[in-house]
Protein backbone atom coordinates (compact mmCIF):
# COMPACT_ATOMS: atom_id res chain seq x y z
CA GLN A 1 72.08 105.20 100.10
CA VAL A 2 74.08 103.00 97.74
CA GLN A 3 74.79 99.32 98.27
CA LEU A 4 77.79 97.81 96.52
CA VAL A 5 78.34 94.11 95.87
CA GLU A 6 81.56 92.74 94.44
CA SER A 7 81.76 89.46 92.53
CA GLY A 8 84.08 87.60 90.21
CA GLY A 9 86.87 86.71 92.60
CA GLY A 10 88.38 83.26 92.78
CA LEU A 11 91.49 81.16 92.45
CA VAL A 12 93.64 81.54 89.34
CA GLN A 13 97.15 80.57 88.33
CA ALA A 14 99.83 83.18 87.78
CA GLY A 15 99.49 84.68 84.33
CA GLY A 16 95.75 84.17 84.29
CA SER A 17 92.89 86.64 84.23
CA LEU A 18 89.82 87.52 86.25
CA ARG A 19 87.12 90.13 85.86
CA LEU A 20 85.67 91.63 88.99
CA SER A 21 82.29 93.33 89.03
CA CYS A 22 80.95 95.97 91.40
CA ALA A 23 77.18 96.17 91.18
CA ALA A 24 75.37 99.10 92.77
CA SER A 25 71.81 99.16 94.02
CA GLY A 26 69.73 101.63 95.91
CA ARG A 27 70.18 104.52 93.53
CA THR A 28 71.91 105.18 90.27
CA PHE A 29 75.57 105.90 90.67
CA SER A 30 76.40 107.13 87.18
CA GLY A 31 77.56 110.40 88.74
CA TYR A 32 79.83 108.73 91.27
CA ALA A 33 83.51 108.00 91.05
CA VAL A 34 84.29 104.37 91.82
CA GLY A 35 87.52 102.97 93.12
CA TRP A 36 88.93 99.49 93.55
CA PHE A 37 91.13 98.75 96.53
CA ARG A 38 92.70 95.57 97.86
CA GLN A 39 93.90 94.28 101.19
CA ALA A 40 96.18 91.34 101.83
CA PRO A 41 96.43 89.77 105.31
CA GLY A 42 98.45 91.92 107.69
CA THR A 43 98.59 94.90 105.33
CA GLU A 44 96.71 98.14 104.90
CA ARG A 45 94.07 98.54 102.26
CA GLU A 46 95.71 99.89 99.13
CA PHE A 47 94.52 101.69 96.05
CA VAL A 48 94.25 99.76 92.78
CA ALA A 49 92.28 101.81 90.26
CA THR A 50 89.58 104.42 89.98
CA ILE A 51 87.19 105.75 87.37
CA GLY A 52 85.31 109.02 87.41
CA TRP A 53 81.79 109.69 86.23
CA ASN A 54 83.45 110.49 82.92
CA THR A 55 84.70 107.11 81.74
CA ASP A 56 87.78 108.72 80.18
CA ASN A 57 88.94 109.69 83.63
CA THR A 58 90.81 106.68 85.02
CA TYR A 59 93.87 106.24 87.18
CA TYR A 60 95.87 103.18 88.25
CA ALA A 61 98.38 102.19 90.86
CA ASP A 62 101.84 101.67 89.38
CA SER A 63 101.74 98.03 90.43
CA VAL A 64 98.79 97.26 88.15
CA GLU A 65 99.24 99.79 85.32
CA GLY A 66 99.14 97.98 81.99
CA ARG A 67 97.70 94.78 83.48
CA PHE A 68 94.38 95.93 84.96
CA THR A 69 91.62 97.90 83.27
CA ILE A 70 88.75 99.64 85.04
CA SER A 71 85.54 100.35 83.16
CA ARG A 72 81.91 101.07 83.86
CA ASP A 73 78.49 100.38 82.37
CA ASN A 74 76.17 102.99 83.82
CA ALA A 75 73.14 101.37 82.21
CA LYS A 76 73.85 98.31 84.36
CA ASN A 77 75.00 100.31 87.41
CA THR A 78 78.18 98.24 87.34
CA VAL A 79 81.90 98.91 87.38
CA TYR A 80 84.40 96.27 86.26
CA LEU A 81 88.02 95.52 86.94
CA GLN A 82 89.62 93.37 84.27
CA MET A 83 92.77 91.82 85.68
CA ASN A 84 95.26 90.22 83.31
CA SER A 85 98.73 88.75 83.79
CA LEU A 86 97.95 88.13 87.43
CA LYS A 87 100.80 87.62 89.88
CA PRO A 88 100.86 85.93 93.30
CA GLU A 89 101.36 89.37 94.86
CA ASP A 90 97.93 90.37 93.53
CA THR A 91 96.39 87.99 96.06
CA ALA A 92 94.07 89.98 98.33
CA VAL A 93 90.49 90.81 99.13
CA TYR A 94 89.31 93.33 96.56
CA TYR A 95 86.85 96.05 97.50
CA CYS A 96 84.99 98.61 95.46
CA ALA A 97 84.00 101.99 96.82
CA ALA A 98 81.85 104.85 95.54
CA ASP A 99 82.41 108.58 95.94
CA ARG A 100 79.56 111.02 95.39
CA ARG A 101 82.09 113.52 94.06
CA GLY A 102 82.32 111.87 90.67
CA TRP A 103 84.86 114.30 89.26
CA VAL A 104 87.45 113.50 91.94
CA ILE A 105 90.26 111.01 91.35
CA ARG A 106 90.80 109.69 94.85
CA THR A 107 93.52 107.17 95.67
CA SER A 108 93.08 107.23 99.43
CA VAL A 109 90.51 105.16 101.30
CA VAL A 110 89.48 108.41 102.99
CA GLY A 111 86.62 110.19 101.29
CA TYR A 112 84.73 107.32 99.72
CA ASP A 113 81.13 107.24 100.84
CA TYR A 114 80.18 103.62 100.29
CA TRP A 115 82.06 100.33 100.37
CA GLY A 116 81.31 96.78 99.35
CA GLN A 117 82.07 93.68 101.39
CA GLY A 118 84.91 92.48 99.21
CA THR A 119 85.72 89.49 97.03
CA GLN A 120 88.73 87.21 97.47
CA VAL A 121 91.29 86.91 94.68
CA THR A 122 93.95 84.24 95.07
CA VAL A 123 96.75 83.83 92.54
CA SER A 124 98.79 80.65 92.80
CA PRO A 125 102.42 80.49 91.60
């Protein structure tokens, strides 16, 4: 069993930056793929970014490509999402999720084994 806890959300002005963290406990998840998703009120949860067990294996949604960077520190059992040049449309609850199949790049919510509770990101105009 893996428990995931997101942190780092908050209120920021447009153009600002935030770094989200996804800390895992329960067992090491260096072999897992980890994804970030977000959900705004009244919308479906959408894919943001993912990283495989191999840190060179990353993939981003078009809407965040070039602005967000996903990375991981397996020694700390933590995955990060650095968000720069934030826009009001980035406002959402951000969730991280872990997939035991660490070699898979998965952009759908289906297939992830564990989810965190989410952290709110609000970007003001």
